[in-house]
PDB file of all heavy atoms in Angstrom:
ATOM      1  N   VAL A   1     172.022 123.774 122.438  1.00  0.00           N
ATOM      2  CA  VAL A   1     171.545 125.008 121.804  1.00  0.00           C
ATOM      3  C   VAL A   1     170.448 124.692 120.799  1.00  0.00           C
ATOM      4  O   VAL A   1     169.440 125.409 120.720  1.00  0.00           O
ATOM      5  CB  VAL A   1     172.720 125.751 121.133  1.00  0.00           C
ATOM      6  CG1 VAL A   1     172.199 126.948 120.336  1.00  0.00           C
ATOM      7  CG2 VAL A   1     173.726 126.217 122.184  1.00  0.00           C
ATOM      8  N   ARG A   2     170.632 123.593 120.045  1.00  0.00           N
ATOM      9  CA  ARG A   2     169.604 123.241 119.060  1.00  0.00           C
ATOM     10  C   ARG A   2     168.261 122.978 119.734  1.00  0.00           C
ATOM     11  O   ARG A   2     167.223 123.495 119.302  1.00  0.00           O
ATOM     12  CB  ARG A   2     170.035 121.999 118.261  1.00  0.00           C
ATOM     13  CG  ARG A   2     169.074 121.642 117.124  1.00  0.00           C
ATOM     14  CD  ARG A   2     169.364 120.264 116.576  1.00  0.00           C
ATOM     15  NE  ARG A   2     169.140 119.222 117.573  1.00  0.00           N
ATOM     16  CZ  ARG A   2     167.926 118.764 117.907  1.00  0.00           C
ATOM     17  NH1 ARG A   2     166.836 119.288 117.368  1.00  0.00           N
ATOM     18  NH2 ARG A   2     167.818 117.820 118.810  1.00  0.00           N
ATOM     19  N   ARG A   3     168.281 122.187 120.835  1.00  0.00           N
ATOM     20  CA  ARG A   3     167.031 121.898 121.535  1.00  0.00           C
ATOM     21  C   ARG A   3     166.449 123.171 122.138  1.00  0.00           C
ATOM     22  O   ARG A   3     165.229 123.370 122.134  1.00  0.00           O
ATOM     23  CB  ARG A   3     167.277 120.870 122.650  1.00  0.00           C
ATOM     24  CG  ARG A   3     167.505 119.463 122.150  1.00  0.00           C
ATOM     25  CD  ARG A   3     167.267 118.442 123.259  1.00  0.00           C
ATOM     26  NE  ARG A   3     168.074 118.712 124.444  1.00  0.00           N
ATOM     27  CZ  ARG A   3     169.285 118.192 124.654  1.00  0.00           C
ATOM     28  NH1 ARG A   3     169.826 117.396 123.755  1.00  0.00           N
ATOM     29  NH2 ARG A   3     169.954 118.470 125.753  1.00  0.00           N
ATOM     30  N   GLY A   4     167.328 124.017 122.674  1.00  0.00           N
ATOM     31  CA  GLY A   4     166.862 125.272 123.259  1.00  0.00           C
ATOM     32  C   GLY A   4     166.187 126.160 122.240  1.00  0.00           C
ATOM     33  O   GLY A   4     165.144 126.767 122.510  1.00  0.00           O
ATOM     34  N   VAL A   5     166.798 126.248 121.062  1.00  0.00           N
ATOM     35  CA  VAL A   5     166.222 127.089 120.006  1.00  0.00           C
ATOM     36  C   VAL A   5     164.904 126.505 119.503  1.00  0.00           C
ATOM     37  O   VAL A   5     163.932 127.244 119.279  1.00  0.00           O
ATOM     38  CB  VAL A   5     167.230 127.258 118.849  1.00  0.00           C
ATOM     39  CG1 VAL A   5     166.558 127.934 117.656  1.00  0.00           C
ATOM     40  CG2 VAL A   5     168.437 128.066 119.304  1.00  0.00           C
ATOM     41  N   GLU A   6     164.852 125.185 119.326  1.00  0.00           N
ATOM     42  CA  GLU A   6     163.609 124.549 118.859  1.00  0.00           C
ATOM     43  C   GLU A   6     162.470 124.787 119.849  1.00  0.00           C
ATOM     44  O   GLU A   6     161.346 125.118 119.469  1.00  0.00           O
ATOM     45  CB  GLU A   6     163.822 123.043 118.666  1.00  0.00           C
ATOM     46  CG  GLU A   6     164.655 122.676 117.459  1.00  0.00           C
ATOM     47  CD  GLU A   6     164.011 123.124 116.163  1.00  0.00           C
ATOM     48  OE1 GLU A   6     162.778 122.944 116.018  1.00  0.00           O
ATOM     49  OE2 GLU A   6     164.724 123.669 115.303  1.00  0.00           O
ATOM     50  N   ALA A   7     162.766 124.629 121.145  1.00  0.00           N
ATOM     51  CA  ALA A   7     161.742 124.854 122.169  1.00  0.00           C
ATOM     52  C   ALA A   7     161.343 126.326 122.216  1.00  0.00           C
ATOM     53  O   ALA A   7     160.159 126.662 122.402  1.00  0.00           O
ATOM     54  CB  ALA A   7     162.269 124.412 123.537  1.00  0.00           C
ATOM     55  N   ALA A   8     162.328 127.222 122.020  1.00  0.00           N
ATOM     56  CA  ALA A   8     162.036 128.658 122.022  1.00  0.00           C
ATOM     57  C   ALA A   8     161.147 129.040 120.834  1.00  0.00           C
ATOM     58  O   ALA A   8     160.241 129.875 120.964  1.00  0.00           O
ATOM     59  CB  ALA A   8     163.337 129.456 121.997  1.00  0.00           C
ATOM     60  N   ARG A   9     161.397 128.437 119.688  1.00  0.00           N
ATOM     61  CA  ARG A   9     160.558 128.713 118.503  1.00  0.00           C
ATOM     62  C   ARG A   9     159.110 128.310 118.764  1.00  0.00           C
ATOM     63  O   ARG A   9     158.177 129.040 118.413  1.00  0.00           O
ATOM     64  CB  ARG A   9     161.103 127.954 117.287  1.00  0.00           C
ATOM     65  CG  ARG A   9     162.415 128.486 116.757  1.00  0.00           C
ATOM     66  CD  ARG A   9     162.939 127.653 115.606  1.00  0.00           C
ATOM     67  NE  ARG A   9     162.014 127.656 114.460  1.00  0.00           N
ATOM     68  CZ  ARG A   9     162.240 126.999 113.320  1.00  0.00           C
ATOM     69  NH1 ARG A   9     163.369 126.295 113.173  1.00  0.00           N
ATOM     70  NH2 ARG A   9     161.371 127.047 112.337  1.00  0.00           N
ATOM     71  N   LYS A  10     158.948 127.157 119.414  1.00  0.00           N
ATOM     72  CA  LYS A  10     157.590 126.689 119.718  1.00  0.00           C
ATOM     73  C   LYS A  10     156.901 127.661 120.679  1.00  0.00           C
ATOM     74  O   LYS A  10     155.728 128.033 120.479  1.00  0.00           O
ATOM     75  CB  LYS A  10     157.656 125.291 120.325  1.00  0.00           C
ATOM     76  CG  LYS A  10     156.304 124.658 120.644  1.00  0.00           C
ATOM     77  CD  LYS A  10     156.497 123.219 121.121  1.00  0.00           C
ATOM     78  CE  LYS A  10     155.150 122.525 121.336  1.00  0.00           C
ATOM     79  NZ  LYS A  10     154.371 123.111 122.429  1.00  0.00           N
ATOM     80  N   SER A  11     157.619 128.070 121.719  1.00  0.00           N
ATOM     81  CA  SER A  11     157.030 129.020 122.674  1.00  0.00           C
ATOM     82  C   SER A  11     156.748 130.368 122.013  1.00  0.00           C
ATOM     83  O   SER A  11     155.733 131.016 122.298  1.00  0.00           O
ATOM     84  CB  SER A  11     157.987 129.231 123.864  1.00  0.00           C
ATOM     85  OG  SER A  11     158.092 128.052 124.631  1.00  0.00           O
ATOM     86  N   PHE A  12     157.639 130.797 121.126  1.00  0.00           N
ATOM     87  CA  PHE A  12     157.447 132.067 120.421  1.00  0.00           C
ATOM     88  C   PHE A  12     156.152 132.049 119.612  1.00  0.00           C
ATOM     89  O   PHE A  12     155.433 133.053 119.524  1.00  0.00           O
ATOM     90  CB  PHE A  12     158.654 132.312 119.517  1.00  0.00           C
ATOM     91  CG  PHE A  12     158.664 133.652 118.840  1.00  0.00           C
ATOM     92  CD1 PHE A  12     158.781 134.824 119.570  1.00  0.00           C
ATOM     93  CD2 PHE A  12     158.574 133.743 117.449  1.00  0.00           C
ATOM     94  CE1 PHE A  12     158.804 136.063 118.944  1.00  0.00           C
ATOM     95  CE2 PHE A  12     158.592 134.972 116.812  1.00  0.00           C
ATOM     96  CZ  PHE A  12     158.712 136.143 117.566  1.00  0.00           C
ATOM     97  N   ARG A  13     155.860 130.877 119.045  1.00  0.00           N
ATOM     98  CA  ARG A  13     154.625 130.751 118.249  1.00  0.00           C
ATOM     99  C   ARG A  13     153.386 130.709 119.128  1.00  0.00           C
ATOM    100  O   ARG A  13     152.337 131.231 118.758  1.00  0.00           O
ATOM    101  CB  ARG A  13     154.668 129.473 117.387  1.00  0.00           C
ATOM    102  CG  ARG A  13     155.696 129.474 116.287  1.00  0.00           C
ATOM    103  CD  ARG A  13     155.454 128.319 115.312  1.00  0.00           C
ATOM    104  NE  ARG A  13     155.458 127.015 115.967  1.00  0.00           N
ATOM    105  CZ  ARG A  13     156.519 126.234 116.077  1.00  0.00           C
ATOM    106  NH1 ARG A  13     157.692 126.660 115.597  1.00  0.00           N
ATOM    107  NH2 ARG A  13     156.441 125.056 116.664  1.00  0.00           N
ATOM    108  N   GLU A  14     153.506 130.085 120.299  1.00  0.00           N
ATOM    109  CA  GLU A  14     152.309 129.750 121.067  1.00  0.00           C
ATOM    110  C   GLU A  14     152.057 130.624 122.288  1.00  0.00           C
ATOM    111  O   GLU A  14     150.907 130.780 122.711  1.00  0.00           O
ATOM    112  CB  GLU A  14     152.401 128.281 121.514  1.00  0.00           C
ATOM    113  CG  GLU A  14     152.476 127.303 120.346  1.00  0.00           C
ATOM    114  CD  GLU A  14     152.693 125.864 120.802  1.00  0.00           C
ATOM    115  OE1 GLU A  14     152.825 125.659 122.045  1.00  0.00           O
ATOM    116  OE2 GLU A  14     152.745 124.962 119.942  1.00  0.00           O
ATOM    117  N   VAL A  15     153.116 131.172 122.898  1.00  0.00           N
ATOM    118  CA  VAL A  15     152.946 131.933 124.139  1.00  0.00           C
ATOM    119  C   VAL A  15     152.375 133.316 123.860  1.00  0.00           C
ATOM    120  O   VAL A  15     152.719 133.958 122.863  1.00  0.00           O
ATOM    121  CB  VAL A  15     154.302 132.057 124.872  1.00  0.00           C
ATOM    122  CG1 VAL A  15     154.250 133.100 125.971  1.00  0.00           C
ATOM    123  CG2 VAL A  15     154.715 130.714 125.449  1.00  0.00           C
ATOM    124  N   THR A  16     151.499 133.750 124.741  1.00  0.00           N
ATOM    125  CA  THR A  16     150.938 135.104 124.625  1.00  0.00           C
ATOM    126  C   THR A  16     152.017 136.140 124.883  1.00  0.00           C
ATOM    127  O   THR A  16     152.733 136.071 125.881  1.00  0.00           O
ATOM    128  CB  THR A  16     149.794 135.301 125.634  1.00  0.00           C
ATOM    129  OG1 THR A  16     148.765 134.348 125.354  1.00  0.00           O
ATOM    130  CG2 THR A  16     149.234 136.715 125.550  1.00  0.00           C
ATOM    131  N   ILE A  17     152.139 137.098 123.960  1.00  0.00           N
ATOM    132  CA  ILE A  17     153.087 138.202 124.112  1.00  0.00           C
ATOM    133  C   ILE A  17     152.305 139.499 124.014  1.00  0.00           C
ATOM    134  O   ILE A  17     151.567 139.731 123.049  1.00  0.00           O
ATOM    135  CB  ILE A  17     154.180 138.159 123.027  1.00  0.00           C
ATOM    136  CG1 ILE A  17     155.025 136.884 123.171  1.00  0.00           C
ATOM    137  CG2 ILE A  17     155.074 139.402 123.109  1.00  0.00           C
ATOM    138  CD1 ILE A  17     156.065 136.701 122.090  1.00  0.00           C
ATOM    139  N   ASP A  18     152.452 140.348 125.037  1.00  0.00           N
ATOM    140  CA  ASP A  18     151.781 141.642 125.020  1.00  0.00           C
ATOM    141  C   ASP A  18     152.715 142.705 125.595  1.00  0.00           C
ATOM    142  O   ASP A  18     153.921 142.457 125.736  1.00  0.00           O
ATOM    143  CB  ASP A  18     150.448 141.592 125.780  1.00  0.00           C
ATOM    144  CG  ASP A  18     150.604 141.166 127.233  1.00  0.00           C
ATOM    145  OD1 ASP A  18     151.726 141.332 127.778  1.00  0.00           O
ATOM    146  OD2 ASP A  18     149.627 140.655 127.818  1.00  0.00           O
ATOM    147  N   ALA A  19     152.170 143.832 125.952  1.00  0.00           N
ATOM    148  CA  ALA A  19     152.997 144.953 126.417  1.00  0.00           C
ATOM    149  C   ALA A  19     153.768 144.621 127.688  1.00  0.00           C
ATOM    150  O   ALA A  19     154.794 145.251 127.986  1.00  0.00           O
ATOM    151  CB  ALA A  19     152.121 146.186 126.646  1.00  0.00           C
ATOM    152  N   SER A  20     153.304 143.619 128.469  1.00  0.00           N
ATOM    153  CA  SER A  20     153.995 143.246 129.710  1.00  0.00           C
ATOM    154  C   SER A  20     155.012 142.134 129.497  1.00  0.00           C
ATOM    155  O   SER A  20     155.642 141.670 130.445  1.00  0.00           O
ATOM    156  CB  SER A  20     152.980 142.823 130.773  1.00  0.00           C
ATOM    157  OG  SER A  20     152.236 141.699 130.331  1.00  0.00           O
ATOM    158  N   GLY A  21     155.181 141.666 128.262  1.00  0.00           N
ATOM    159  CA  GLY A  21     156.184 140.657 127.960  1.00  0.00           C
ATOM    160  C   GLY A  21     155.600 139.327 127.536  1.00  0.00           C
ATOM    161  O   GLY A  21     154.435 139.242 127.108  1.00  0.00           O
ATOM    162  N   ALA A  22     156.405 138.272 127.655  1.00  0.00           N
ATOM    163  CA  ALA A  22     155.989 136.915 127.277  1.00  0.00           C
ATOM    164  C   ALA A  22     155.393 136.214 128.484  1.00  0.00           C
ATOM    165  O   ALA A  22     156.037 136.141 129.531  1.00  0.00           O
ATOM    166  CB  ALA A  22     157.183 136.135 126.745  1.00  0.00           C
ATOM    167  N   HIS A  23     154.183 135.680 128.347  1.00  0.00           N
ATOM    168  CA  HIS A  23     153.481 135.034 129.464  1.00  0.00           C
ATOM    169  C   HIS A  23     153.812 133.536 129.497  1.00  0.00           C
ATOM    170  O   HIS A  23     152.960 132.680 129.249  1.00  0.00           O
ATOM    171  CB  HIS A  23     151.976 135.266 129.334  1.00  0.00           C
ATOM    172  CG  HIS A  23     151.575 136.696 129.560  1.00  0.00           C
ATOM    173  ND1 HIS A  23     150.928 137.130 130.685  1.00  0.00           N
ATOM    174  CD2 HIS A  23     151.784 137.801 128.798  1.00  0.00           C
ATOM    175  CE1 HIS A  23     150.719 138.432 130.611  1.00  0.00           C
ATOM    176  NE2 HIS A  23     151.241 138.871 129.462  1.00  0.00           N
ATOM    177  N   LEU A  24     155.059 133.245 129.830  1.00  0.00           N
ATOM    178  CA  LEU A  24     155.505 131.849 129.867  1.00  0.00           C
ATOM    179  C   LEU A  24     154.770 131.044 130.923  1.00  0.00           C
ATOM    180  O   LEU A  24     154.473 129.858 130.725  1.00  0.00           O
ATOM    181  CB  LEU A  24     157.013 131.798 130.148  1.00  0.00           C
ATOM    182  CG  LEU A  24     157.930 132.276 129.007  1.00  0.00           C
ATOM    183  CD1 LEU A  24     159.336 132.512 129.540  1.00  0.00           C
ATOM    184  CD2 LEU A  24     157.964 131.253 127.881  1.00  0.00           C
ATOM    185  N   ALA A  25     154.454 131.678 132.048  1.00  0.00           N
ATOM    186  CA  ALA A  25     153.804 130.963 133.149  1.00  0.00           C
ATOM    187  C   ALA A  25     152.453 130.395 132.741  1.00  0.00           C
ATOM    188  O   ALA A  25     152.039 129.337 133.235  1.00  0.00           O
ATOM    189  CB  ALA A  25     153.644 131.885 134.354  1.00  0.00           C
ATOM    190  N   ASP A  26     151.769 131.084 131.824  1.00  0.00           N
ATOM    191  CA  ASP A  26     150.449 130.610 131.378  1.00  0.00           C
ATOM    192  C   ASP A  26     150.548 129.271 130.664  1.00  0.00           C
ATOM    193  O   ASP A  26     149.570 128.523 130.585  1.00  0.00           O
ATOM    194  CB  ASP A  26     149.804 131.644 130.444  1.00  0.00           C
ATOM    195  CG  ASP A  26     149.470 132.944 131.166  1.00  0.00           C
ATOM    196  OD1 ASP A  26     149.496 132.940 132.412  1.00  0.00           O
ATOM    197  OD2 ASP A  26     149.210 133.954 130.480  1.00  0.00           O
ATOM    198  N   GLU A  27     151.746 128.969 130.148  1.00  0.00           N
ATOM    199  CA  GLU A  27     151.961 127.697 129.441  1.00  0.00           C
ATOM    200  C   GLU A  27     152.731 126.697 130.303  1.00  0.00           C
ATOM    201  O   GLU A  27     153.251 125.710 129.804  1.00  0.00           O
ATOM    202  CB  GLU A  27     152.739 127.960 128.140  1.00  0.00           C
ATOM    203  CG  GLU A  27     152.083 128.941 127.194  1.00  0.00           C
ATOM    204  CD  GLU A  27     150.732 128.440 126.707  1.00  0.00           C
ATOM    205  OE1 GLU A  27     150.602 127.212 126.494  1.00  0.00           O
ATOM    206  OE2 GLU A  27     149.806 129.272 126.555  1.00  0.00           O
ATOM    207  N   GLY A  28     152.783 127.000 131.615  1.00  0.00           N
ATOM    208  CA  GLY A  28     153.491 126.099 132.528  1.00  0.00           C
ATOM    209  C   GLY A  28     154.999 126.166 132.397  1.00  0.00           C
ATOM    210  O   GLY A  28     155.703 125.211 132.737  1.00  0.00           O
ATOM    211  N   LEU A  29     155.510 127.287 131.911  1.00  0.00           N
ATOM    212  CA  LEU A  29     156.941 127.432 131.675  1.00  0.00           C
ATOM    213  C   LEU A  29     157.600 128.458 132.593  1.00  0.00           C
ATOM    214  O   LEU A  29     158.636 129.021 132.266  1.00  0.00           O
ATOM    215  CB  LEU A  29     157.191 127.829 130.209  1.00  0.00           C
ATOM    216  CG  LEU A  29     156.645 126.876 129.149  1.00  0.00           C
ATOM    217  CD1 LEU A  29     156.901 127.429 127.754  1.00  0.00           C
ATOM    218  CD2 LEU A  29     157.266 125.494 129.293  1.00  0.00           C
ATOM    219  N   ALA A  30     156.994 128.698 133.746  1.00  0.00           N
ATOM    220  CA  ALA A  30     157.543 129.704 134.661  1.00  0.00           C
ATOM    221  C   ALA A  30     158.856 129.230 135.261  1.00  0.00           C
ATOM    222  O   ALA A  30     159.073 128.032 135.481  1.00  0.00           O
ATOM    223  CB  ALA A  30     156.545 129.989 135.778  1.00  0.00           C
ATOM    224  N   ARG A  31     159.735 130.185 135.540  1.00  0.00           N
ATOM    225  CA  ARG A  31     160.950 129.865 136.281  1.00  0.00           C
ATOM    226  C   ARG A  31     160.567 129.483 137.712  1.00  0.00           C
ATOM    227  O   ARG A  31     159.465 129.815 138.159  1.00  0.00           O
ATOM    228  CB  ARG A  31     161.897 131.070 136.279  1.00  0.00           C
ATOM    229  CG  ARG A  31     162.553 131.312 134.921  1.00  0.00           C
ATOM    230  CD  ARG A  31     163.503 132.488 134.960  1.00  0.00           C
ATOM    231  NE  ARG A  31     164.166 132.641 133.667  1.00  0.00           N
ATOM    232  CZ  ARG A  31     165.305 132.041 133.319  1.00  0.00           C
ATOM    233  NH1 ARG A  31     165.908 131.256 134.198  1.00  0.00           N
ATOM    234  NH2 ARG A  31     165.838 132.213 132.137  1.00  0.00           N
ATOM    235  N   PRO A  32     161.453 128.798 138.448  1.00  0.00           N
ATOM    236  CA  PRO A  32     161.102 128.369 139.815  1.00  0.00           C
ATOM    237  C   PRO A  32     160.657 129.544 140.673  1.00  0.00           C
ATOM    238  O   PRO A  32     161.204 130.643 140.574  1.00  0.00           O
ATOM    239  CB  PRO A  32     162.409 127.765 140.334  1.00  0.00           C
ATOM    240  CG  PRO A  32     163.149 127.347 139.106  1.00  0.00           C
ATOM    241  CD  PRO A  32     162.792 128.346 138.046  1.00  0.00           C
ATOM    242  N   SER A  33     159.656 129.297 141.519  1.00  0.00           N
ATOM    243  CA  SER A  33     159.150 130.346 142.400  1.00  0.00           C
ATOM    244  C   SER A  33     160.122 130.630 143.532  1.00  0.00           C
ATOM    245  O   SER A  33     160.049 131.661 144.186  1.00  0.00           O
ATOM    246  CB  SER A  33     157.799 129.934 142.992  1.00  0.00           C
ATOM    247  OG  SER A  33     157.930 128.710 143.697  1.00  0.00           O
ATOM    248  N   ALA A  34     161.030 129.701 143.791  1.00  0.00           N
ATOM    249  CA  ALA A  34     162.027 129.890 144.849  1.00  0.00           C
ATOM    250  C   ALA A  34     163.302 129.161 144.455  1.00  0.00           C
ATOM    251  O   ALA A  34     163.275 128.168 143.742  1.00  0.00           O
ATOM    252  CB  ALA A  34     161.503 129.338 146.177  1.00  0.00           C
ATOM    253  N   THR A  35     164.440 129.697 144.879  1.00  0.00           N
ATOM    254  CA  THR A  35     165.714 129.009 144.663  1.00  0.00           C
ATOM    255  C   THR A  35     166.455 128.928 145.983  1.00  0.00           C
ATOM    256  O   THR A  35     166.209 129.700 146.900  1.00  0.00           O
ATOM    257  CB  THR A  35     166.605 129.756 143.646  1.00  0.00           C
ATOM    258  OG1 THR A  35     166.906 131.055 144.153  1.00  0.00           O
ATOM    259  CG2 THR A  35     165.922 129.888 142.303  1.00  0.00           C
ATOM    260  N   TRP A  36     167.342 127.967 146.068  1.00  0.00           N
ATOM    261  CA  TRP A  36     168.197 127.858 147.240  1.00  0.00           C
ATOM    262  C   TRP A  36     169.522 127.247 146.807  1.00  0.00           C
ATOM    263  O   TRP A  36     169.681 126.802 145.677  1.00  0.00           O
ATOM    264  CB  TRP A  36     167.550 127.013 148.339  1.00  0.00           C
ATOM    265  CG  TRP A  36     167.231 125.618 147.920  1.00  0.00           C
ATOM    266  CD1 TRP A  36     168.079 124.559 147.862  1.00  0.00           C
ATOM    267  CD2 TRP A  36     165.962 125.133 147.461  1.00  0.00           C
ATOM    268  NE1 TRP A  36     167.420 123.440 147.416  1.00  0.00           N
ATOM    269  CE2 TRP A  36     166.119 123.766 147.171  1.00  0.00           C
ATOM    270  CE3 TRP A  36     164.712 125.721 147.291  1.00  0.00           C
ATOM    271  CZ2 TRP A  36     165.071 122.985 146.695  1.00  0.00           C
ATOM    272  CZ3 TRP A  36     163.673 124.942 146.828  1.00  0.00           C
ATOM    273  CH2 TRP A  36     163.855 123.587 146.540  1.00  0.00           C
TER     274      TRP A  36
END
C-alpha cells in the first residue's frame, strides 16, 4: 500500500487530468490492452 500510494502521488502530480479523466496512458501507465 505504501508503494502504491507513493506511486499514485507521483502520477497525481504529473499525469494530465481533464474532463475525460486521468491520462495514464500518456505516461506509459495504461492497463493491459488485452487480458486472458
